[in-house]
Protein backbone atom coordinates (compact mmCIF):
# COMPACT_ATOMS: atom_id res chain seq x y z
CA UNK A 1 0.00 0.00 0.00
CA UNK A 2 1.59 3.27 -1.13
CA UNK A 3 1.34 6.79 0.28
CA UNK A 4 -1.45 7.88 -2.10
CA UNK A 5 -3.58 4.87 -1.19
CA UNK A 6 -3.07 5.54 2.51
CA UNK A 7 -4.05 9.20 2.07
CA UNK A 8 -7.12 8.28 0.03
CA UNK A 9 -8.26 5.94 2.77
CA UNK A 10 -7.83 8.65 5.42
CA UNK A 11 -9.70 11.25 3.36
CA UNK A 12 -12.45 8.74 2.59
CA UNK A 13 -12.91 7.90 6.26
CA UNK A 14 -12.97 11.58 7.26
CA UNK A 15 -15.43 12.46 4.50
CA UNK A 16 -17.67 9.55 5.48
CA UNK A 17 -17.74 10.64 9.12
CA UNK A 18 -18.52 14.24 8.18
CA UNK A 19 -21.36 13.21 5.86
CA UNK A 20 -22.76 10.76 8.39
CA UNK A 21 -22.92 13.60 10.91
CA UNK A 22 -24.43 15.97 8.33
CA UNK A 23 -27.26 13.55 7.50
CA UNK A 24 -28.10 12.84 11.13
CA UNK A 25 -31.48 14.19 12.11
CA UNK A 26 -33.69 16.21 9.81
CA UNK A 27 -31.63 19.38 9.43
CA UNK A 28 -30.63 18.56 5.85
CA UNK A 29 -34.30 18.39 4.80
CA UNK A 30 -34.41 22.17 4.67
CA UNK A 31 -32.69 21.79 1.29
CA UNK A 32 -35.73 20.15 -0.27
CA UNK A 33 -38.32 22.65 0.93
CA UNK A 34 -40.20 24.23 -2.01
CA UNK A 35 -39.29 27.73 -0.80
CA UNK A 36 -35.54 27.12 -1.06
CA UNK A 37 -35.12 24.40 -3.69
CA UNK A 38 -34.39 26.93 -6.45
CA UNK A 39 -31.65 28.56 -4.42
CA UNK A 40 -30.17 25.15 -3.56
CA UNK A 41 -29.99 23.99 -7.18
CA UNK A 42 -28.71 27.38 -8.32
CA UNK A 43 -26.12 27.39 -5.55
CA UNK A 44 -24.78 23.96 -6.52
CA UNK A 45 -24.39 25.05 -10.15
CA UNK A 46 -22.84 28.40 -9.20
CA UNK A 47 -20.29 26.84 -6.85
CA UNK A 48 -19.49 24.16 -9.39
CA UNK A 49 -18.49 26.93 -11.79
CA UNK A 50 -16.73 29.01 -9.11
CA UNK A 51 -14.59 26.13 -7.89
CA UNK A 52 -13.23 25.70 -11.42
CA UNK A 53 -12.36 29.37 -11.93
CA UNK A 54 -8.87 29.99 -10.62
CA UNK A 55 -6.41 32.83 -10.99
CA UNK A 56 -2.99 33.63 -9.56
CA UNK A 57 -0.99 36.76 -9.02
CA UNK A 58 1.40 37.63 -11.89
CA UNK A 59 4.69 35.82 -11.47
CA UNK A 60 3.44 33.51 -8.71
CA UNK A 61 3.41 29.78 -9.18
CA UNK A 62 0.76 27.46 -7.78
CA UNK A 63 3.38 25.93 -5.49
CA UNK A 64 4.21 29.34 -4.05
CA UNK A 65 0.63 29.76 -2.98
CA UNK A 66 0.32 26.33 -1.34
CA UNK A 67 -2.77 25.54 -3.31
CA UNK A 68 -4.44 28.90 -2.73
CA UNK A 69 -6.05 30.54 -5.73
CA UNK A 70 -8.48 33.36 -6.32
CA UNK A 71 -11.97 31.94 -6.40
CA UNK A 72 -15.19 31.96 -4.41
CA UNK A 73 -15.46 28.95 -2.12
CA UNK A 74 -18.95 29.67 -0.76
CA UNK A 75 -18.97 27.30 2.22
CA UNK A 76 -19.49 30.09 4.73
CA UNK A 77 -22.37 31.59 2.75
CA UNK A 78 -24.16 28.24 2.62
CA UNK A 79 -23.78 27.85 6.39
CA UNK A 80 -25.21 31.34 6.94
CA UNK A 81 -28.17 30.54 4.70
CA UNK A 82 -29.09 26.96 5.59
CA UNK A 83 -27.03 25.85 8.59
CA UNK A 84 -23.84 23.81 8.77
CA UNK A 85 -25.26 20.32 8.16
CA UNK A 86 -27.30 21.25 5.07
CA UNK A 87 -24.30 23.26 3.83
CA UNK A 88 -22.03 20.22 4.06
CA UNK A 89 -24.58 18.11 2.18
CA UNK A 90 -24.67 20.74 -0.58
CA UNK A 91 -20.87 20.93 -0.70
CA UNK A 92 -20.70 17.15 -1.05
CA UNK A 93 -23.08 17.43 -4.00
CA UNK A 94 -20.94 20.12 -5.62
CA UNK A 95 -17.81 18.01 -5.19
CA UNK A 96 -19.47 14.88 -6.59
CA UNK A 97 -20.78 16.65 -9.68
CA UNK A 98 -17.46 18.32 -10.44
CA UNK A 99 -15.58 15.09 -9.79
CA UNK A 100 -17.79 13.19 -12.24
CA UNK A 101 -17.53 15.71 -15.09
CA UNK A 102 -13.88 16.61 -14.60
CA UNK A 103 -10.62 14.72 -14.47
CA UNK A 104 -10.43 14.71 -10.67
CA UNK A 105 -9.27 11.48 -9.10
CA UNK A 106 -10.94 10.11 -5.97
CA UNK A 107 -8.13 11.56 -3.86
CA UNK A 108 -8.54 15.00 -5.44
CA UNK A 109 -12.31 14.93 -5.01
CA UNK A 110 -12.10 13.96 -1.35
CA UNK A 111 -9.44 16.59 -0.71
CA UNK A 112 -11.54 19.27 -2.40
CA UNK A 113 -14.56 18.33 -0.30
CA UNK A 114 -12.64 18.48 2.96
CA UNK A 115 -10.44 21.50 2.20
CA UNK A 116 -12.90 23.70 0.28
CA UNK A 117 -16.08 22.42 1.88
CA UNK A 118 -16.20 20.74 5.28
CA UNK A 119 -13.32 22.51 7.03
CA UNK A 120 -14.38 26.06 6.01
CA UNK A 121 -18.03 25.26 6.78
CA UNK A 122 -17.24 24.06 10.30
CA UNK A 123 -15.01 27.09 10.90
CA UNK A 124 -17.77 29.42 9.71
CA UNK A 125 -20.30 27.65 11.94
CA UNK A 126 -18.15 28.13 15.05
CA UNK A 127 -17.65 31.81 14.16
CA UNK A 128 -21.39 32.34 13.70
CA UNK A 129 -22.21 30.65 16.99
CA UNK A 130 -19.78 32.89 18.85
CA UNK A 131 -21.27 35.96 17.18
CA UNK A 132 -24.83 34.88 17.99
CA UNK A 133 -23.89 34.18 21.59
CA UNK A 134 -21.94 37.31 22.44
CA UNK A 135 -23.34 40.03 20.16
CA UNK A 136 -26.86 41.48 20.10
CA UNK A 137 -29.41 40.28 17.55
CA UNK A 138 -29.42 42.92 14.83
CA UNK A 139 -29.74 42.81 11.05
CA UNK A 140 -26.44 44.63 10.56
CA UNK A 141 -24.63 42.23 12.89
CA UNK A 142 -26.18 39.23 11.14
CA UNK A 143 -24.98 40.39 7.72
CA UNK A 144 -21.58 41.65 8.86
CA UNK A 145 -20.88 38.81 11.28
CA UNK A 146 -22.43 35.79 9.56
CA UNK A 147 -21.55 37.09 6.11
CA UNK A 148 -18.29 39.01 6.18
CA UNK A 149 -16.53 37.89 9.39
CA UNK A 150 -17.48 34.22 9.08
CA UNK A 151 -16.44 34.23 5.41
CA UNK A 152 -13.10 35.77 6.37
CA UNK A 153 -12.44 33.23 9.10
CA UNK A 154 -13.56 30.31 6.91
CA UNK A 155 -10.51 30.95 4.74
CA UNK A 156 -7.93 32.16 7.27
CA UNK A 157 -8.23 29.38 9.85
CA UNK A 158 -8.25 26.37 7.47
CA UNK A 159 -5.47 27.86 5.33
CA UNK A 160 -3.15 28.42 8.29
CA UNK A 161 -3.85 24.97 9.73
CA UNK A 162 -3.30 23.30 6.34
CA UNK A 163 -0.10 25.24 5.69
CA UNK A 164 1.44 24.11 8.98
CA UNK A 165 0.16 20.57 8.43
CA UNK A 166 1.66 20.37 4.95
CA UNK A 167 4.94 21.94 5.94
CA UNK A 168 5.28 19.61 8.92
CA UNK A 169 4.32 16.32 7.28
CA UNK A 170 4.26 16.58 3.46
CA UNK A 171 6.83 19.19 2.28
CA UNK A 172 8.42 16.93 -0.31
CA UNK A 173 5.19 15.26 -1.41
CA UNK A 174 3.24 18.46 -2.00
CA UNK A 175 6.20 20.56 -3.17
CA UNK A 176 5.53 23.20 -0.55
CA UNK A 177 8.84 24.97 -0.66
CA UNK A 178 7.39 28.44 -0.99
CA UNK A 179 7.79 32.10 -0.23
CA UNK A 180 5.84 32.78 2.96
CA UNK A 181 5.39 36.42 2.03
CA UNK A 182 3.70 35.47 -1.24
CA UNK A 183 1.55 32.96 0.59
CA UNK A 184 0.52 35.50 3.22
CA UNK A 185 -0.34 38.16 0.62
CA UNK A 186 -2.45 35.65 -1.26
CA UNK A 187 -4.19 34.53 1.93
CA UNK A 188 -5.08 38.12 2.88
CA UNK A 189 -6.52 38.90 -0.56
CA UNK A 190 -8.34 35.59 -0.81
CA UNK A 191 -9.90 35.83 2.66
CA UNK A 192 -11.06 39.42 2.22
CA UNK A 193 -12.54 38.52 -1.17
CA UNK A 194 -14.42 35.59 0.36
CA UNK A 195 -15.69 37.69 3.24
CA UNK A 196 -16.79 40.55 0.98
CA UNK A 197 -18.63 38.31 -1.48
CA UNK A 198 -20.28 36.30 1.29
CA UNK A 199 -21.43 39.43 3.10
CA UNK A 200 -22.69 41.09 -0.08
CA UNK A 201 -24.62 38.03 -1.28
CA UNK A 202 -26.08 37.36 2.16
CA UNK A 203 -27.32 40.97 2.35
CA UNK A 204 -28.94 40.70 -1.09
CA UNK A 205 -30.64 37.42 -0.23
CA UNK A 206 -31.89 38.62 3.17
CA UNK A 207 -33.38 41.77 1.65
CA UNK A 208 -34.74 40.48 -1.66
CA UNK A 209 -35.09 36.71 -1.14
CA UNK A 210 -35.51 36.16 2.63
CA UNK A 211 -37.15 32.77 2.05
CA UNK A 212 -33.78 31.60 0.69
CA UNK A 213 -32.22 32.20 4.12
CA UNK A 214 -34.13 29.99 6.56
CA UNK A 215 -31.53 30.65 9.27
CA UNK A 216 -32.55 34.33 9.32
CA UNK A 217 -35.38 34.86 11.79
CA UNK A 218 -37.31 38.12 11.48
CA UNK A 219 -38.58 37.98 15.05
CA UNK A 220 -35.02 38.08 16.40
CA UNK A 221 -33.11 40.31 14.02
CA UNK A 222 -35.79 42.82 13.03
CA UNK A 223 -38.13 42.97 16.02
CA UNK A 224 -35.64 42.37 18.81
CA UNK A 225 -37.41 39.27 20.10
CA UNK A 226 -35.53 36.21 21.31
CA UNK A 227 -38.05 33.44 21.25
CA UNK A 228 -36.29 31.20 18.75
CA UNK A 229 -32.74 29.93 18.75
CA UNK A 230 -30.34 30.86 15.98
CA UNK A 231 -27.96 27.95 16.44
CA UNK A 232 -26.59 26.52 13.24
CA UNK A 233 -27.97 22.95 12.90
């Protein structure tokens, strides 16, 4: 059994555990409600396109950026709209569709799901829970915190963890001999882009398509009531 096979087995086990958790209970059923089904299908298509659009800074190689590229990941936005478990189910669907129509191997597909989907989604969920717990319920805070701040953190935290993980265990395998300054500049730009797009789209959906954001509760954020919990399922 070679290194790639071992890594595929690890990624497969991790992905299976994450999906098993995501499908527990009935949280994921929000995705098939008539009021949100159009946004779910549109979101899967949009992210499928976004994940395949990549750009780099002039003169910077892919290796220098440790796999970072300019694109919209969208995991945080899905968590803000539907909750973390439904978001992970959607991200698994995006990964499966792209993997089937592209040249991704099983290892690449699993890595994309974990790195671009599950890890950022869980990070965003933790950020949103902290915001909901310690900050007052207000529309501005919902959009800024659940949209911008959570989107920012969904890129920063996983990227830093993965960089240290790769440098510590897989420097020769992944070719991660890179310029840390270039990597940091890319991370800053990428995270602010993710946060800005997530916040902007969340604001548009809340204002013009509130039924697409079942996690947004009018009674709490517009009327100042606190009768219903805003925990991410």
